Amino acid sequence: MLIYRLDTTGAGETDRPAPEKLVSGDPVFTTWNLEERDGLYCGIWRSTPGRWRISYDEWEYCRILSGVSHIHGQDGSCMTVKTGDSFVLRPGFAGEWDVEETTVKEYVIRV
């Protein structure tokens, strides 16, 4: 099939931040990776509340479907993202992701 609907049918894959990256809480991630080819990834990701350190080597476009999160940069910046917001994380970004309310996002990653 050459056309796919982005949805969360099926179990998805669950994970947690690596212990050395965890800052607070006990966030659980669920990922429905629907496309993976030639360095391109696309799907839906959900996280329960918590905070962990992040660093990006890849480019990622995100659209928040539900929830509220705060993305803190190492430079002291903070961007709050909520339902309906879209944004890009570029290679080299580092900081912390803080999920205030369970957050669901669509993503497209280019490695």
Protein backbone atom coordinates (compact mmCIF):
# COMPACT_ATOMS: atom_id res chain seq x y z
CA MET A 1 0.00 0.00 0.00
CA LEU A 2 1.30 3.48 -0.83
CA ILE A 3 -0.93 5.49 1.50
CA TYR A 4 -1.14 5.09 5.27
CA ARG A 5 -3.27 6.69 7.95
CA LEU A 6 -1.38 7.85 11.04
CA ASP A 7 -3.15 6.28 13.99
CA THR A 8 -2.53 4.45 17.22
CA THR A 9 -4.15 1.12 16.40
CA GLY A 10 -2.10 -1.73 17.71
CA ALA A 11 -0.02 -1.96 20.85
CA GLY A 12 2.85 0.35 19.91
CA GLU A 13 6.31 -0.01 21.44
CA THR A 14 6.83 1.11 25.04
CA ASP A 15 10.01 2.48 26.54
CA ARG A 16 11.32 4.80 29.25
CA PRO A 17 14.21 7.28 29.30
CA ALA A 18 17.59 5.77 30.10
CA PRO A 19 18.20 6.03 33.88
CA GLU A 20 21.11 8.46 33.37
CA LYS A 21 18.80 10.84 31.43
CA LEU A 22 15.87 10.80 33.87
CA VAL A 23 15.42 14.05 35.83
CA SER A 24 12.07 13.45 37.54
CA GLY A 25 8.94 11.32 37.48
CA ASP A 26 8.50 7.97 35.74
CA PRO A 27 7.60 8.79 32.13
CA VAL A 28 6.49 5.96 29.86
CA PHE A 29 6.78 6.39 26.09
CA THR A 30 4.61 4.61 23.55
CA THR A 31 5.63 4.87 19.90
CA TRP A 32 3.76 3.86 16.77
CA ASN A 33 6.52 4.15 14.14
CA LEU A 34 4.62 3.93 10.86
CA GLU A 35 7.39 4.71 8.36
CA GLU A 36 11.07 3.81 8.48
CA ARG A 37 13.18 4.02 5.34
CA ASP A 38 16.24 5.78 3.97
CA GLY A 39 16.79 7.75 7.19
CA LEU A 40 13.16 8.91 7.41
CA TYR A 41 10.91 8.03 10.34
CA CYS A 42 7.27 9.02 10.81
CA GLY A 43 4.65 8.13 13.38
CA ILE A 44 2.94 8.96 16.65
CA TRP A 45 4.56 9.18 20.09
CA ARG A 46 2.98 9.47 23.53
CA SER A 47 4.58 10.17 26.90
CA THR A 48 3.17 10.22 30.40
CA PRO A 49 4.37 12.97 32.79
CA GLY A 50 8.03 13.24 33.73
CA ARG A 51 11.24 15.05 32.80
CA TRP A 52 14.42 13.80 31.07
CA ARG A 53 17.50 15.10 29.25
CA ILE A 54 17.45 15.17 25.43
CA SER A 55 20.00 15.77 22.69
CA TYR A 56 19.31 15.71 18.97
CA ASP A 57 21.60 14.52 16.17
CA GLU A 58 18.66 14.43 13.78
CA TRP A 59 16.05 16.89 12.45
CA GLU A 60 12.51 16.42 13.79
CA TYR A 61 9.17 18.03 12.94
CA CYS A 62 6.47 17.63 15.61
CA ARG A 63 2.78 18.46 15.89
CA ILE A 64 1.20 18.14 19.32
CA LEU A 65 -2.11 16.27 19.16
CA SER A 66 -2.87 16.51 22.88
CA GLY A 67 -1.28 17.44 26.18
CA VAL A 68 1.18 20.02 27.48
CA SER A 69 4.98 19.81 27.57
CA HIS A 70 7.86 22.21 28.19
CA ILE A 71 11.06 21.95 26.17
CA HIS A 72 14.01 23.52 28.00
CA GLY A 73 17.19 24.39 26.09
CA GLN A 74 20.64 24.27 27.66
CA ASP A 75 20.83 28.00 26.90
CA GLY A 76 18.03 28.69 29.41
CA SER A 77 15.26 28.99 26.82
CA CYS A 78 11.90 27.28 27.37
CA MET A 79 9.13 26.61 24.88
CA THR A 80 5.74 25.38 26.07
CA VAL A 81 4.00 23.18 23.49
CA LYS A 82 0.34 22.17 23.65
CA THR A 83 -2.46 20.77 21.52
CA GLY A 84 -2.24 22.15 17.98
CA ASP A 85 1.34 23.46 18.19
CA SER A 86 3.92 22.52 15.55
CA PHE A 87 7.69 22.96 15.83
CA VAL A 88 11.07 21.73 14.61
CA LEU A 89 13.97 20.43 16.70
CA ARG A 90 17.25 20.78 14.81
CA PRO A 91 20.44 18.74 15.10
CA GLY A 92 22.55 20.01 17.99
CA PHE A 93 19.60 20.91 20.24
CA ALA A 94 20.13 19.75 23.81
CA GLY A 95 18.15 20.29 26.97
CA GLU A 96 15.25 18.67 28.78
CA TRP A 97 11.75 17.54 27.82
CA ASP A 98 9.22 18.04 30.64
CA VAL A 99 5.77 16.47 30.15
CA GLU A 100 3.25 18.28 32.35
CA GLU A 101 0.16 16.51 30.92
CA THR A 102 0.38 13.26 28.96
CA THR A 103 1.49 14.42 25.52
CA VAL A 104 0.80 12.85 22.12
CA LYS A 105 2.66 14.08 19.03
CA GLU A 106 2.96 13.24 15.34
CA TYR A 107 6.58 13.28 14.23
CA VAL A 108 8.72 13.18 11.12
CA ILE A 109 12.43 12.55 11.71
CA ARG A 110 15.17 12.91 9.13
CA VAL A 111 18.52 11.39 10.08
